[in-house]
Amino acid sequence: MKSLSLPLWTLLAPVLAWAAYFTIGGMTGTVPIVLLSVVLIAGVLAAVHHAEVVAHRVGEPFGTIILALAVTVIEVSLLVSLMSSGGEKTAALARDTVFAAIMIILTFIIGICILVGGVKFKEQFVTKHAATSALVALTAILVLTLVLPNYTTSRPGPQYTNPQLIFAAVVSLIIYSSFIMIQSVRHRDYFLPKDEAGHLEEEDTHATPPSDKTTFTSLFLLIACLGAVVLLAKKLSPSLEAGVASIGAPNALVGIIIAMIVLLPECIAAIHAARKNRLQTSMNLALGSALASIGLTIPAVAIYTLFSHTTVLLGIDTTSTVLLVLSIFTVMLSLVTGKTNVLYGVVLLTIFAAYLFLNIFP
């Protein structure tokens, strides 16, 4: 059997992150906050490394699916934890967090990947069928869960009735499950990296795949890192709230910052793939994460609210709706030709900047 070949720092990072959470997580002051931030970043970097090890062993698109599902499970756990302790004031938390994650993925992660790849390689290539499949599924779930609640009449406000919430949850699961079947089984070739001529490229054929022992160790440490990252982000959230309040910005900005922290492993992994001229892998990770984020989070939140008899607000406001439509439309135009360049990345990052600006100065 092959020996365990993982850098020492990737083994120590999750241990230090969990130790910091249990030892200095309850402390206040500048020094504990700085230490927690440092170990949080170390946990994020270690998570990226372990995700790449697992992805190399199982191949595409299964590697990106594993990372997307792992992050989504942790995100759901964090949401349910915050909602259970926050009472009625967290009624919009799921909506704000999911919408923030979607906007970060569609405009920042995809934008920075296209920009980085375009600067280095001028043009990069993606499979048109993969992009349209993911975007069709994502658009349907987004409209049904975040836009439609504003226009139903059974209950006033951006809120579904219980039957409507159950229907939206079931539909989200059906669409997401169908996408996973297409991505991993029926049309797996859509999501494999291809060259300009359309020929399949086998990822890292020159590198020896990690052993089973290394792979399972990395999978365990990936989950440990993601759990520590989210819990540390939760510990840091009061400091973030105080900082946001001090500049007079809306509380929704806290959700954006936490979503960015949670999505940081996927962001770094996607950028690494783009720098290796594997934009298809970057898009698999980004769009797959967006689908998992909303396709699994909304059903989980629906189940929690139904059994806990709490209120959940889903409908986004008009400004958010316009930004969401603009983001989906721009991403679709950027990927539908199968070729990308720096212009698409610049436009998407500009939309992300507008999203942040309008949250701070609504």
Protein backbone atom coordinates (compact mmCIF):
# COMPACT_ATOMS: atom_id res chain seq x y z
CA MET A 1 0.00 0.00 0.00
CA LYS A 2 1.17 3.51 -0.79
CA SER A 3 2.18 5.65 2.16
CA LEU A 4 0.21 8.68 3.26
CA SER A 5 1.65 11.58 1.23
CA LEU A 6 0.09 14.80 2.50
CA PRO A 7 1.93 17.99 3.53
CA LEU A 8 2.27 18.28 7.29
CA TRP A 9 0.54 21.67 7.44
CA THR A 10 -2.62 20.22 5.85
CA LEU A 11 -2.76 17.66 8.68
CA LEU A 12 -2.17 20.25 11.41
CA ALA A 13 -4.53 22.97 10.10
CA PRO A 14 -7.86 21.24 10.98
CA VAL A 15 -6.50 20.21 14.39
CA LEU A 16 -5.46 23.79 15.16
CA ALA A 17 -8.76 25.15 13.85
CA TRP A 18 -10.84 22.90 16.10
CA ALA A 19 -8.50 23.55 19.06
CA ALA A 20 -8.87 27.29 18.55
CA TYR A 21 -12.64 26.97 18.39
CA PHE A 22 -12.84 25.14 21.73
CA THR A 23 -10.14 27.13 23.56
CA ILE A 24 -10.30 30.77 22.45
CA GLY A 25 -13.62 30.71 20.61
CA GLY A 26 -15.44 32.19 23.58
CA MET A 27 -12.92 34.95 24.26
CA THR A 28 -13.31 38.58 23.27
CA GLY A 29 -10.76 41.17 22.29
CA THR A 30 -8.50 41.91 19.36
CA VAL A 31 -5.94 39.12 19.89
CA PRO A 32 -8.46 36.22 19.99
CA ILE A 33 -10.23 37.61 16.91
CA VAL A 34 -6.94 37.84 15.00
CA LEU A 35 -5.95 34.29 16.03
CA LEU A 36 -9.33 32.90 15.04
CA SER A 37 -9.07 34.65 11.68
CA VAL A 38 -5.60 33.19 11.06
CA VAL A 39 -6.60 29.60 11.84
CA LEU A 40 -9.79 30.08 9.79
CA ILE A 41 -7.73 31.02 6.73
CA ALA A 42 -5.40 28.07 7.38
CA GLY A 43 -8.44 25.78 7.53
CA VAL A 44 -9.69 27.16 4.23
CA LEU A 45 -6.36 26.56 2.48
CA ALA A 46 -6.14 23.03 3.90
CA ALA A 47 -9.69 22.31 2.72
CA VAL A 48 -8.72 23.35 -0.81
CA HIS A 49 -5.73 21.01 -0.80
CA HIS A 50 -7.74 18.02 0.46
CA ALA A 51 -10.53 18.72 -2.04
CA GLU A 52 -8.00 18.65 -4.89
CA VAL A 53 -6.60 15.32 -3.62
CA VAL A 54 -10.07 13.75 -3.56
CA ALA A 55 -10.97 15.26 -6.94
CA HIS A 56 -7.80 13.83 -8.50
CA ARG A 57 -8.63 10.36 -7.19
CA VAL A 58 -12.29 10.20 -8.26
CA GLY A 59 -11.98 12.31 -11.43
CA GLU A 60 -14.34 14.84 -12.94
CA PRO A 61 -17.09 15.74 -12.38
CA PHE A 62 -17.32 13.68 -9.17
CA GLY A 63 -14.57 15.63 -7.42
CA THR A 64 -16.36 18.94 -7.80
CA ILE A 65 -19.65 17.34 -6.71
CA ILE A 66 -18.04 16.12 -3.48
CA LEU A 67 -16.74 19.58 -2.57
CA ALA A 68 -20.04 21.27 -3.47
CA LEU A 69 -22.07 18.82 -1.36
CA ALA A 70 -19.67 19.03 1.59
CA VAL A 71 -19.83 22.84 1.70
CA THR A 72 -23.63 22.81 1.31
CA VAL A 73 -24.12 20.37 4.19
CA ILE A 74 -22.02 22.60 6.43
CA GLU A 75 -23.88 25.71 5.21
CA VAL A 76 -27.23 24.12 6.04
CA SER A 77 -25.99 23.14 9.50
CA LEU A 78 -24.86 26.71 10.15
CA LEU A 79 -28.18 28.17 8.97
CA VAL A 80 -30.27 25.82 11.10
CA SER A 81 -28.05 26.53 14.12
CA LEU A 82 -28.39 30.30 13.71
CA MET A 83 -32.14 30.11 13.05
CA SER A 84 -32.74 27.94 16.12
CA SER A 85 -30.98 30.41 18.40
CA GLY A 86 -32.03 33.66 16.76
CA GLY A 87 -35.82 33.43 16.86
CA GLU A 88 -38.05 35.56 14.61
CA LYS A 89 -35.25 38.01 13.76
CA THR A 90 -33.61 35.28 11.65
CA ALA A 91 -36.68 34.79 9.42
CA ALA A 92 -34.83 36.27 6.43
CA LEU A 93 -31.46 34.65 7.24
CA ALA A 94 -31.84 31.70 4.85
CA ARG A 95 -32.93 33.96 2.01
CA ASP A 96 -30.12 36.46 2.57
CA THR A 97 -27.44 33.78 2.90
CA VAL A 98 -28.55 31.77 -0.12
CA PHE A 99 -28.90 34.88 -2.28
CA ALA A 100 -25.46 36.09 -1.16
CA ALA A 101 -23.94 32.70 -2.03
CA ILE A 102 -25.59 32.70 -5.45
CA MET A 103 -24.41 36.23 -6.28
CA ILE A 104 -20.88 35.49 -5.06
CA ILE A 105 -20.72 32.36 -7.21
CA LEU A 106 -22.31 33.80 -10.36
CA THR A 107 -20.48 37.13 -10.42
CA PHE A 108 -17.33 36.89 -8.30
CA ILE A 109 -16.15 33.26 -8.58
CA ILE A 110 -17.09 32.80 -12.23
CA GLY A 111 -15.92 36.34 -13.04
CA ILE A 112 -12.51 35.99 -11.40
CA CYS A 113 -11.95 32.56 -12.99
CA ILE A 114 -12.74 33.88 -16.47
CA LEU A 115 -10.58 36.96 -15.88
CA VAL A 116 -7.59 34.99 -14.54
CA GLY A 117 -7.83 32.46 -17.35
CA GLY A 118 -8.28 35.14 -19.98
CA VAL A 119 -5.24 37.11 -18.81
CA LYS A 120 -3.04 34.00 -18.89
CA PHE A 121 -4.39 32.16 -21.96
CA LYS A 122 -6.35 34.88 -23.86
CA GLU A 123 -9.17 32.40 -24.61
CA GLN A 124 -10.47 29.40 -22.69
CA PHE A 125 -13.05 26.80 -23.63
CA VAL A 126 -16.09 25.34 -21.92
CA THR A 127 -18.75 22.89 -23.05
CA LYS A 128 -21.88 24.76 -24.10
CA HIS A 129 -24.21 21.91 -23.13
CA ALA A 130 -22.75 21.80 -19.60
CA ALA A 131 -23.27 25.52 -19.09
CA THR A 132 -26.83 25.59 -20.43
CA SER A 133 -27.82 22.48 -18.46
CA ALA A 134 -26.61 24.00 -15.20
CA LEU A 135 -28.06 27.45 -15.88
CA VAL A 136 -31.50 26.13 -16.92
CA ALA A 137 -31.74 24.16 -13.67
CA LEU A 138 -30.38 27.03 -11.58
CA THR A 139 -32.71 29.64 -13.13
CA ALA A 140 -35.79 27.52 -12.47
CA ILE A 141 -34.92 26.92 -8.82
CA LEU A 142 -34.00 30.56 -8.23
CA VAL A 143 -37.25 31.91 -9.65
CA LEU A 144 -39.41 29.36 -7.84
CA THR A 145 -37.77 29.93 -4.45
CA LEU A 146 -36.54 33.54 -4.37
CA VAL A 147 -38.73 35.48 -6.83
CA LEU A 148 -42.15 33.79 -6.99
CA PRO A 149 -42.93 34.22 -3.24
CA ASN A 150 -43.30 37.96 -3.91
CA TYR A 151 -46.23 37.35 -6.28
CA THR A 152 -48.33 34.67 -4.59
CA THR A 153 -51.58 35.82 -2.96
CA SER A 154 -52.36 33.22 -0.29
CA ARG A 155 -50.20 35.05 2.24
CA PRO A 156 -49.02 38.68 2.13
CA GLY A 157 -45.34 39.49 1.94
CA PRO A 158 -42.38 37.52 0.55
CA GLN A 159 -43.54 34.33 2.23
CA TYR A 160 -44.92 30.98 1.10
CA THR A 161 -47.73 29.12 2.82
CA ASN A 162 -46.82 25.68 4.14
CA PRO A 163 -48.19 23.81 1.07
CA GLN A 164 -46.39 26.23 -1.24
CA LEU A 165 -43.17 25.83 0.74
CA ILE A 166 -43.42 22.04 0.52
CA PHE A 167 -44.02 22.26 -3.23
CA ALA A 168 -41.00 24.55 -3.72
CA ALA A 169 -38.82 22.20 -1.66
CA VAL A 170 -39.89 19.10 -3.61
CA VAL A 171 -39.42 20.82 -6.96
CA SER A 172 -35.94 22.04 -5.92
CA LEU A 173 -34.91 18.49 -5.00
CA ILE A 174 -36.30 17.07 -8.25
CA ILE A 175 -34.46 19.62 -10.40
CA TYR A 176 -31.18 19.25 -8.47
CA SER A 177 -31.36 15.43 -8.55
CA SER A 178 -32.01 15.53 -12.30
CA PHE A 179 -28.98 17.76 -12.80
CA ILE A 180 -26.75 15.41 -10.77
CA MET A 181 -27.95 12.48 -12.90
CA ILE A 182 -27.12 14.40 -16.07
CA GLN A 183 -23.75 15.55 -14.74
CA SER A 184 -22.52 12.27 -13.33
CA VAL A 185 -24.23 9.54 -15.39
CA ARG A 186 -26.31 10.22 -18.47
CA HIS A 187 -24.29 13.07 -20.02
CA ARG A 188 -21.08 12.98 -18.01
CA ASP A 189 -19.08 13.80 -21.16
CA TYR A 190 -20.65 17.29 -21.21
CA PHE A 191 -18.78 18.16 -18.02
CA LEU A 192 -15.35 16.75 -18.89
CA PRO A 193 -12.63 19.24 -19.91
CA LYS A 194 -12.20 19.54 -23.68
CA ASP A 195 -9.68 21.28 -25.91
CA GLU A 196 -10.43 23.76 -28.68
CA ALA A 197 -11.16 20.94 -31.14
CA GLY A 198 -13.67 19.38 -28.75
CA HIS A 199 -11.49 16.40 -27.78
CA LEU A 200 -11.68 15.13 -24.20
CA GLU A 201 -8.73 15.89 -21.95
CA GLU A 202 -7.96 13.40 -19.20
CA GLU A 203 -7.14 15.41 -16.09
CA ASP A 204 -3.62 15.06 -14.72
CA THR A 205 -2.82 11.96 -16.76
CA HIS A 206 0.88 12.59 -16.01
CA ALA A 207 0.36 12.49 -12.24
CA THR A 208 -0.05 9.36 -10.17
CA PRO A 209 -3.46 9.26 -8.44
CA PRO A 210 -3.30 9.25 -4.63
CA SER A 211 -3.69 5.96 -2.79
CA ASP A 212 -6.96 4.90 -1.18
CA LYS A 213 -5.47 5.63 2.25
CA THR A 214 -4.50 9.16 1.22
CA THR A 215 -7.85 9.76 -0.46
CA PHE A 216 -9.95 8.71 2.53
CA THR A 217 -7.70 10.67 4.89
CA SER A 218 -8.14 13.78 2.73
CA LEU A 219 -11.91 13.25 2.57
CA PHE A 220 -12.11 13.08 6.37
CA LEU A 221 -9.86 16.11 6.80
CA LEU A 222 -11.84 18.02 4.14
CA ILE A 223 -15.03 17.58 6.17
CA ALA A 224 -13.16 18.49 9.37
CA CYS A 225 -11.76 21.66 7.78
CA LEU A 226 -15.12 22.76 6.39
CA GLY A 227 -16.82 22.21 9.74
CA ALA A 228 -14.16 24.22 11.55
CA VAL A 229 -14.34 27.03 8.97
CA VAL A 230 -18.09 27.45 9.36
CA LEU A 231 -18.01 27.26 13.17
CA LEU A 232 -15.18 29.78 13.34
CA ALA A 233 -17.11 32.03 10.97
CA LYS A 234 -20.07 31.78 13.33
CA LYS A 235 -17.82 32.73 16.27
CA LEU A 236 -16.54 35.75 14.36
CA SER A 237 -20.00 36.88 13.26
CA PRO A 238 -20.69 39.09 16.36
CA SER A 239 -17.49 41.02 15.63
CA LEU A 240 -18.55 41.31 12.00
CA GLU A 241 -21.99 42.55 13.05
CA ALA A 242 -20.43 45.19 15.28
CA GLY A 243 -18.12 46.30 12.48
CA VAL A 244 -20.97 46.47 9.96
CA ALA A 245 -23.13 48.43 12.40
CA SER A 246 -20.30 50.87 13.07
CA ILE A 247 -20.22 51.92 9.40
CA GLY A 248 -24.01 52.14 9.21
CA ALA A 249 -24.36 49.31 6.64
CA PRO A 250 -27.38 46.94 6.58
CA ASN A 251 -27.13 43.73 8.59
CA ALA A 252 -27.40 41.74 5.32
CA LEU A 253 -23.73 42.57 4.74
CA VAL A 254 -22.87 40.15 7.58
CA GLY A 255 -24.47 37.32 5.61
CA ILE A 256 -22.43 38.30 2.55
CA ILE A 257 -19.16 38.22 4.49
CA ILE A 258 -19.96 34.84 6.09
CA ALA A 259 -21.01 33.42 2.71
CA MET A 260 -17.71 34.58 1.22
CA ILE A 261 -15.79 32.83 4.00
CA VAL A 262 -17.75 29.59 3.56
CA LEU A 263 -17.29 29.69 -0.24
CA LEU A 264 -13.59 30.53 -0.06
CA PRO A 265 -12.42 26.88 -0.48
CA GLU A 266 -14.47 26.51 -3.65
CA CYS A 267 -13.28 29.90 -4.91
CA ILE A 268 -9.60 29.04 -4.48
CA ALA A 269 -10.07 25.58 -6.05
CA ALA A 270 -11.88 27.12 -9.03
CA ILE A 271 -9.16 29.74 -9.56
CA HIS A 272 -6.47 27.04 -9.41
CA ALA A 273 -8.28 25.11 -12.15
CA ALA A 274 -8.61 28.24 -14.32
CA ARG A 275 -4.89 28.95 -13.95
CA LYS A 276 -4.22 25.42 -15.24
CA ASN A 277 -6.34 26.18 -18.33
CA ARG A 278 -9.15 23.96 -17.06
CA LEU A 279 -12.03 26.42 -17.08
CA GLN A 280 -14.56 23.60 -17.48
CA THR A 281 -13.53 22.28 -14.07
CA SER A 282 -13.92 25.80 -12.64
CA MET A 283 -17.43 26.09 -14.09
CA ASN A 284 -18.37 22.59 -12.85
CA LEU A 285 -17.38 23.67 -9.36
CA ALA A 286 -19.01 27.11 -9.48
CA LEU A 287 -22.34 26.22 -11.10
CA GLY A 288 -22.55 22.91 -9.24
CA SER A 289 -22.01 24.76 -5.95
CA ALA A 290 -24.71 27.29 -6.83
CA LEU A 291 -27.18 24.51 -7.59
CA ALA A 292 -26.30 22.59 -4.44
CA SER A 293 -26.45 25.76 -2.34
CA ILE A 294 -30.06 26.55 -3.25
CA GLY A 295 -31.31 23.14 -4.36
CA LEU A 296 -30.48 21.53 -1.03
CA THR A 297 -30.57 24.47 1.38
CA ILE A 298 -34.16 25.53 0.63
CA PRO A 299 -35.60 22.01 1.20
CA ALA A 300 -33.59 21.65 4.43
CA VAL A 301 -34.77 25.03 5.71
CA ALA A 302 -38.35 24.16 4.68
CA ILE A 303 -38.24 20.94 6.71
CA TYR A 304 -36.82 22.79 9.72
CA THR A 305 -39.43 25.58 9.61
CA LEU A 306 -42.33 23.15 9.19
CA PHE A 307 -41.33 21.09 12.22
CA SER A 308 -40.26 24.05 14.38
CA HIS A 309 -43.27 26.19 13.39
CA THR A 310 -41.02 29.16 12.65
CA THR A 311 -41.32 31.77 9.90
CA VAL A 312 -39.08 31.91 6.85
CA LEU A 313 -39.09 34.77 4.33
CA LEU A 314 -37.92 33.79 0.84
CA GLY A 315 -38.81 36.55 -1.63
CA ILE A 316 -36.01 38.98 -2.51
CA ASP A 317 -36.62 42.68 -3.12
CA THR A 318 -36.81 44.42 -6.50
CA THR A 319 -33.18 45.55 -6.54
CA SER A 320 -31.98 42.03 -5.76
CA THR A 321 -34.25 40.59 -8.46
CA VAL A 322 -32.79 42.92 -11.09
CA LEU A 323 -29.23 42.03 -10.07
CA LEU A 324 -30.06 38.32 -10.09
CA VAL A 325 -31.58 38.44 -13.59
CA LEU A 326 -28.64 40.50 -14.87
CA SER A 327 -26.16 38.03 -13.36
CA ILE A 328 -27.81 34.93 -14.85
CA PHE A 329 -28.19 36.61 -18.25
CA THR A 330 -24.53 37.72 -18.29
CA VAL A 331 -23.20 34.32 -17.22
CA MET A 332 -25.30 32.62 -19.90
CA LEU A 333 -24.00 34.97 -22.61
CA SER A 334 -20.45 34.49 -21.34
CA LEU A 335 -20.54 30.69 -21.58
CA VAL A 336 -23.02 29.94 -24.38
CA THR A 337 -20.45 30.37 -27.17
CA GLY A 338 -18.03 27.94 -25.55
CA LYS A 339 -15.22 30.54 -25.55
CA THR A 340 -14.40 33.14 -22.91
CA ASN A 341 -12.10 36.15 -22.67
CA VAL A 342 -11.23 38.83 -20.15
CA LEU A 343 -14.19 41.05 -21.06
CA TYR A 344 -16.72 38.58 -19.64
CA GLY A 345 -14.76 38.40 -16.40
CA VAL A 346 -14.55 42.18 -16.08
CA VAL A 347 -18.32 42.59 -16.64
CA LEU A 348 -19.21 39.92 -14.06
CA LEU A 349 -16.87 41.42 -11.46
CA THR A 350 -18.44 44.83 -12.12
CA ILE A 351 -21.87 43.36 -11.39
CA PHE A 352 -20.46 41.90 -8.17
CA ALA A 353 -19.12 45.32 -7.21
CA ALA A 354 -22.57 46.81 -7.87
CA TYR A 355 -24.13 44.12 -5.65
CA LEU A 356 -21.76 44.96 -2.78
CA PHE A 357 -22.15 48.71 -3.26
CA LEU A 358 -25.96 48.56 -3.23
CA ASN A 359 -25.91 46.47 -0.06
CA ILE A 360 -23.79 49.09 1.70
CA PHE A 361 -25.58 52.08 0.13
CA PRO A 362 -29.08 50.82 -0.71
